[in-house]
Amino acid sequence: MAYPLYPYTPRSVSAVAVEVQQLTPTHEMRRMQPHGHTFFEILVVTRGGGRHVVGESAIDLAERTAFVIPPGVIHDCRGFGEADAWVLLFLPDGADASAHAGLSLIDDVPTGMLSDLFRRPVLELMQPIALDDATYRTICDAFERMHAELHGKRPGYEFIVRSALQIVLIELARSAPATGIDADEPRARDLLARVFADIDLHFTERETLAAASRRLRSNPGYLTTRLRRLTGRTYGDWVIERRMIEARRLLAATDLAIGDIAERIGYSESESFVRRFREHHRVTPAAWRAKSRSIGA
């Protein structure tokens, strides 16, 4: 039996091919016949109580469970019952949605564990991924951030969304069962977990890579090379991203001066913070704050 294959058709125009929705009991996807897509879909169950049919498998839903649905895979959400979930739809960065009716298992995704997640055998990839509490919270925070940024469309939102998407992919790759293909995979997962925990604790400190290498008992060169291979970014890149997240929070939620915010997140000079913020958002912190508050007014 032939099933429909839907193209990427976002609900609103966006500078990045990513959409985040809340799959509540009234969502239209809960009434759709079995179908596939030409894009990638990730479902994270936030409240259990139903069944999800993926391919030919009917899977009982459980909270803190994720499903990765590659292009072309048929699934059916009509059995979700009272379950709730986040749903993420996305195309590889920079892809033209109109040109990807025949999208292969994955194109143009960063090398390392991110693409490894999608290069698994399809039958293996369709199995649900159980998330521990910390990973579940991290992924849900990223979903909420993408959802808010895509609706608010504040300056630089597309960069924020891409970073949050990358965090989701990293966490899913780390949480998926080991494939046995790469003997180093468990070590890679452990490294990523320790690095992100370290960044959360120390992102405001001035000394970054050397100190992190000592805490993680690693060589700075190895740490940089390994992280770049696994995530496409270095330790320093992820520190900057974490600082930008905190900067946006402080700009939106407080009246702190720009210099005070710069000092709080680890910059010795406000000029360095302003320059870095502008690189990531295309506007100054002051302009971003004004825009953020005009949207919320």
Protein backbone atom coordinates (compact mmCIF):
# COMPACT_ATOMS: atom_id res chain seq x y z
CA MET A 1 0.00 0.00 0.00
CA ALA A 2 1.32 3.44 -0.93
CA TYR A 3 1.36 6.13 1.76
CA PRO A 4 1.62 9.90 1.28
CA LEU A 5 5.05 11.53 1.56
CA TYR A 6 4.75 15.13 2.71
CA PRO A 7 7.25 17.93 1.89
CA TYR A 8 8.52 20.47 4.40
CA THR A 9 5.81 23.14 4.65
CA PRO A 10 6.36 25.34 7.73
CA ARG A 11 3.46 27.17 9.33
CA SER A 12 5.32 30.49 9.14
CA VAL A 13 8.18 31.86 7.07
CA SER A 14 11.53 31.46 8.80
CA ALA A 15 15.20 32.06 8.03
CA VAL A 16 15.99 28.50 9.10
CA ALA A 17 14.27 25.26 8.02
CA VAL A 18 13.28 24.23 11.54
CA GLU A 19 9.84 24.10 13.14
CA VAL A 20 8.87 23.14 16.69
CA GLN A 21 5.33 22.21 17.69
CA GLN A 22 3.61 20.80 20.75
CA LEU A 23 1.86 17.55 19.89
CA THR A 24 -1.16 17.93 22.17
CA PRO A 25 -4.31 15.75 21.84
CA THR A 26 -5.89 18.35 19.51
CA HIS A 27 -2.95 18.52 17.07
CA GLU A 28 -3.88 17.61 13.48
CA MET A 29 -1.04 15.06 13.28
CA ARG A 30 -3.01 12.93 15.77
CA ARG A 31 -5.71 12.48 13.11
CA MET A 32 -3.50 11.94 10.06
CA GLN A 33 -3.40 8.62 8.23
CA PRO A 34 -0.01 6.80 8.18
CA HIS A 35 2.45 9.01 6.31
CA GLY A 36 6.10 9.85 5.72
CA HIS A 37 8.04 13.06 5.05
CA THR A 38 10.84 14.44 2.95
CA PHE A 39 12.29 16.04 6.10
CA PHE A 40 13.54 14.84 9.48
CA GLU A 41 11.23 14.59 12.48
CA ILE A 42 12.04 14.14 16.15
CA LEU A 43 9.35 13.36 18.72
CA VAL A 44 9.98 13.60 22.47
CA VAL A 45 7.19 12.21 24.66
CA THR A 46 6.54 14.44 27.69
CA ARG A 47 3.53 12.48 28.99
CA GLY A 48 2.90 8.83 28.20
CA GLY A 49 -0.27 6.86 27.52
CA GLY A 50 -0.65 5.56 23.98
CA ARG A 51 1.05 3.88 21.04
CA HIS A 52 3.20 5.10 18.16
CA VAL A 53 3.38 3.04 14.97
CA VAL A 54 6.78 3.42 13.27
CA GLY A 55 7.26 1.37 10.12
CA GLU A 56 5.60 -1.93 11.00
CA SER A 57 6.20 -1.69 14.76
CA ALA A 58 3.62 -0.53 17.29
CA ILE A 59 5.50 0.94 20.25
CA ASP A 60 4.01 1.71 23.67
CA LEU A 61 4.67 5.32 24.64
CA ALA A 62 6.58 6.27 27.77
CA GLU A 63 7.60 9.62 29.20
CA ARG A 64 11.16 10.78 28.47
CA THR A 65 11.30 8.77 25.25
CA ALA A 66 12.43 10.14 21.88
CA PHE A 67 11.72 8.96 18.34
CA VAL A 68 13.90 9.90 15.37
CA ILE A 69 11.93 9.64 12.10
CA PRO A 70 14.16 9.84 9.00
CA PRO A 71 12.82 10.93 5.60
CA GLY A 72 10.68 8.29 3.93
CA VAL A 73 9.86 6.31 7.09
CA ILE A 74 6.11 5.80 7.61
CA HIS A 75 4.66 6.52 11.04
CA ASP A 76 1.21 6.93 12.59
CA CYS A 77 0.37 9.08 15.64
CA ARG A 78 -3.36 8.29 15.81
CA GLY A 79 -2.79 5.97 18.77
CA PHE A 80 -1.13 8.60 20.95
CA GLY A 81 -4.23 8.74 23.16
CA GLU A 82 -3.71 11.29 25.93
CA ALA A 83 0.06 11.46 25.46
CA ASP A 84 1.77 14.81 24.86
CA ALA A 85 5.03 15.36 22.99
CA TRP A 86 7.34 17.91 21.47
CA VAL A 87 7.75 17.51 17.72
CA LEU A 88 10.67 18.96 15.76
CA LEU A 89 10.69 19.15 11.96
CA PHE A 90 13.87 20.16 10.16
CA LEU A 91 15.87 20.03 6.97
CA PRO A 92 19.68 19.96 6.86
CA ASP A 93 21.02 23.46 7.33
CA GLY A 94 20.83 25.49 4.15
CA ALA A 95 18.76 22.93 2.24
CA ASP A 96 16.14 24.10 -0.20
CA ALA A 97 12.86 22.48 0.86
CA SER A 98 11.49 22.49 -2.69
CA ALA A 99 14.46 20.49 -3.98
CA HIS A 100 14.43 17.63 -1.47
CA ALA A 101 11.56 15.36 -2.48
CA GLY A 102 14.11 12.55 -2.75
CA LEU A 103 16.14 13.37 0.35
CA SER A 104 18.39 10.46 1.28
CA LEU A 105 18.95 9.19 4.83
CA ILE A 106 20.86 12.37 5.55
CA ASP A 107 22.71 15.04 3.59
CA ASP A 108 24.84 17.97 4.72
CA VAL A 109 24.77 17.22 8.44
CA PRO A 110 27.99 17.80 10.46
CA THR A 111 30.38 14.85 10.67
CA GLY A 112 30.89 12.83 13.79
CA MET A 113 28.20 11.65 16.19
CA LEU A 114 25.56 13.97 14.74
CA SER A 115 25.56 12.33 11.33
CA ASP A 116 26.28 8.93 12.90
CA LEU A 117 22.89 9.17 14.60
CA PHE A 118 21.19 9.30 11.21
CA ARG A 119 23.50 6.90 9.40
CA ARG A 120 22.42 3.99 11.55
CA PRO A 121 20.43 1.21 9.85
CA VAL A 122 16.85 2.44 9.43
CA LEU A 123 15.35 -0.41 11.49
CA GLU A 124 17.71 0.44 14.36
CA LEU A 125 17.12 4.17 14.04
CA MET A 126 13.34 3.76 14.34
CA GLN A 127 13.61 2.27 17.84
CA PRO A 128 12.68 4.65 20.69
CA ILE A 129 15.50 6.28 22.64
CA ALA A 130 15.13 6.32 26.44
CA LEU A 131 16.39 9.57 27.98
CA ASP A 132 17.74 9.97 31.49
CA ASP A 133 16.41 12.86 33.56
CA ALA A 134 19.29 15.25 32.85
CA THR A 135 19.25 14.59 29.09
CA TYR A 136 15.47 14.91 28.97
CA ARG A 137 15.63 18.31 30.69
CA THR A 138 18.40 19.50 28.36
CA ILE A 139 16.44 18.47 25.27
CA CYS A 140 13.17 19.98 26.52
CA ASP A 141 14.98 23.24 27.35
CA ALA A 142 16.34 23.30 23.79
CA PHE A 143 12.86 22.65 22.36
CA GLU A 144 11.39 25.48 24.45
CA ARG A 145 14.20 27.80 23.36
CA MET A 146 13.65 26.98 19.66
CA HIS A 147 9.89 27.35 20.03
CA ALA A 148 10.22 30.78 21.65
CA GLU A 149 12.84 32.03 19.19
CA LEU A 150 10.92 30.87 16.11
CA HIS A 151 7.80 32.64 17.35
CA GLY A 152 9.55 35.82 18.52
CA LYS A 153 11.99 36.07 15.59
CA ARG A 154 14.27 38.43 17.49
CA PRO A 155 17.51 39.43 15.75
CA GLY A 156 19.85 36.46 15.38
CA TYR A 157 17.14 33.91 16.17
CA GLU A 158 18.26 31.62 13.34
CA PHE A 159 21.69 31.17 14.97
CA ILE A 160 20.08 30.42 18.32
CA VAL A 161 17.77 27.85 16.73
CA ARG A 162 20.64 26.12 14.88
CA SER A 163 22.64 25.86 18.11
CA ALA A 164 19.68 24.47 20.06
CA LEU A 165 19.02 21.95 17.27
CA GLN A 166 22.64 20.85 17.40
CA ILE A 167 22.39 20.33 21.16
CA VAL A 168 19.30 18.14 20.64
CA LEU A 169 21.11 16.04 18.04
CA ILE A 170 24.18 15.68 20.24
CA GLU A 171 22.11 14.56 23.22
CA LEU A 172 20.15 12.06 21.12
CA ALA A 173 23.34 10.68 19.59
CA ARG A 174 24.79 10.31 23.08
CA SER A 175 21.63 8.59 24.39
CA ALA A 176 20.97 6.20 21.50
CA PRO A 177 22.06 2.59 22.13
CA ALA A 178 25.64 1.90 21.04
CA THR A 179 25.80 0.53 17.52
CA GLY A 180 28.89 -1.59 18.01
CA ILE A 181 30.29 -0.08 14.81
CA ASP A 182 32.61 2.35 16.57
CA ALA A 183 34.48 0.87 19.52
CA ASP A 184 35.25 4.41 20.70
CA GLU A 185 31.60 5.48 20.79
CA PRO A 186 31.04 4.95 24.56
CA ARG A 187 34.13 7.05 25.30
CA ALA A 188 32.87 9.75 22.94
CA ARG A 189 29.50 9.84 24.69
CA ASP A 190 31.17 10.09 28.08
CA LEU A 191 33.39 12.93 26.85
CA LEU A 192 30.41 14.92 25.54
CA ALA A 193 28.49 14.45 28.79
CA ARG A 194 31.46 15.63 30.85
CA VAL A 195 32.21 18.57 28.56
CA PHE A 196 28.68 19.99 28.65
CA ALA A 197 28.48 19.54 32.42
CA ASP A 198 31.83 21.32 32.74
CA ILE A 199 30.70 24.20 30.54
CA ASP A 200 27.54 24.71 32.60
CA LEU A 201 29.64 25.02 35.74
CA HIS A 202 32.52 27.11 34.39
CA PHE A 203 31.38 29.15 31.37
CA THR A 204 31.73 32.45 33.26
CA GLU A 205 35.41 31.90 34.04
CA ARG A 206 38.05 33.77 32.04
CA GLU A 207 40.42 30.83 31.58
CA THR A 208 38.61 28.22 29.51
CA LEU A 209 40.38 25.54 27.47
CA ALA A 210 43.50 25.00 29.61
CA ALA A 211 41.50 24.87 32.84
CA ALA A 212 38.86 22.63 31.28
CA SER A 213 41.54 20.25 30.03
CA ARG A 214 42.89 19.92 33.56
CA ARG A 215 39.43 19.31 35.03
CA LEU A 216 38.60 16.78 32.31
CA ARG A 217 42.06 15.19 32.53
CA SER A 218 42.64 15.73 28.84
CA ASN A 219 45.15 17.38 26.53
CA PRO A 220 43.97 20.78 25.15
CA GLY A 221 44.83 19.80 21.57
CA TYR A 222 43.05 16.47 21.86
CA LEU A 223 40.00 18.06 23.49
CA THR A 224 39.70 20.65 20.72
CA THR A 225 40.19 18.15 17.89
CA ARG A 226 37.85 15.55 19.40
CA LEU A 227 35.03 17.99 20.08
CA ARG A 228 35.33 19.48 16.60
CA ARG A 229 35.00 16.02 15.09
CA LEU A 230 32.05 15.03 17.28
CA THR A 231 30.07 18.28 17.18
CA GLY A 232 31.59 20.55 14.54
CA ARG A 233 32.62 22.99 17.32
CA THR A 234 35.46 23.39 19.79
CA TYR A 235 35.23 23.72 23.58
CA GLY A 236 35.67 27.47 23.20
CA ASP A 237 32.84 27.65 20.66
CA TRP A 238 30.48 25.91 23.08
CA VAL A 239 31.57 28.21 25.93
CA ILE A 240 30.69 31.21 23.78
CA GLU A 241 27.31 29.72 22.92
CA ARG A 242 26.58 29.12 26.62
CA ARG A 243 27.61 32.69 27.40
CA MET A 244 25.29 33.99 24.70
CA ILE A 245 22.38 32.02 26.17
CA GLU A 246 22.99 33.60 29.58
CA ALA A 247 23.49 37.04 28.00
CA ARG A 248 20.10 36.84 26.26
CA ARG A 249 18.46 35.79 29.52
CA LEU A 250 19.98 38.71 31.42
CA LEU A 251 19.17 41.20 28.66
CA ALA A 252 15.53 40.13 28.55
CA ALA A 253 14.91 39.59 32.26
CA THR A 254 16.98 42.30 34.00
CA ASP A 255 17.94 45.96 33.71
CA LEU A 256 21.63 45.25 34.25
CA ALA A 257 23.99 47.50 32.31
CA ILE A 258 25.76 45.95 29.33
CA GLY A 259 29.10 46.16 31.14
CA ASP A 260 27.69 44.34 34.16
CA ILE A 261 26.32 41.57 31.95
CA ALA A 262 29.66 41.26 30.19
CA GLU A 263 31.43 40.84 33.53
CA ARG A 264 28.89 38.31 34.81
CA ILE A 265 29.35 36.00 31.83
CA GLY A 266 33.13 36.11 31.76
CA TYR A 267 34.25 39.06 29.61
CA SER A 268 36.83 41.42 31.07
CA GLU A 269 35.82 44.20 28.65
CA SER A 270 32.33 45.13 27.54
CA GLU A 271 33.68 45.83 24.03
CA SER A 272 34.67 42.17 23.64
CA PHE A 273 31.20 41.06 24.75
CA VAL A 274 29.45 43.50 22.39
CA ARG A 275 31.61 42.39 19.46
CA ARG A 276 30.98 38.70 20.16
CA PHE A 277 27.25 39.24 20.69
CA ARG A 278 27.01 41.13 17.41
CA GLU A 279 28.80 38.30 15.58
CA HIS A 280 26.14 35.88 16.84
CA HIS A 281 23.05 38.09 16.54
CA ARG A 282 23.87 40.74 13.92
CA VAL A 283 22.83 43.46 16.38
CA THR A 284 24.29 44.93 19.57
CA PRO A 285 23.11 43.72 22.99
CA ALA A 286 21.28 47.01 23.55
CA ALA A 287 19.42 46.70 20.24
CA TRP A 288 18.56 43.07 20.99
CA ARG A 289 17.18 44.07 24.41
CA ALA A 290 15.04 46.82 22.88
CA LYS A 291 13.71 44.48 20.21
CA SER A 292 13.01 41.74 22.78
CA ARG A 293 11.02 44.09 24.97
CA SER A 294 9.03 45.53 22.07
CA ILE A 295 7.97 41.99 21.13
CA GLY A 296 6.91 41.20 24.69
CA ALA A 297 5.03 44.48 25.16
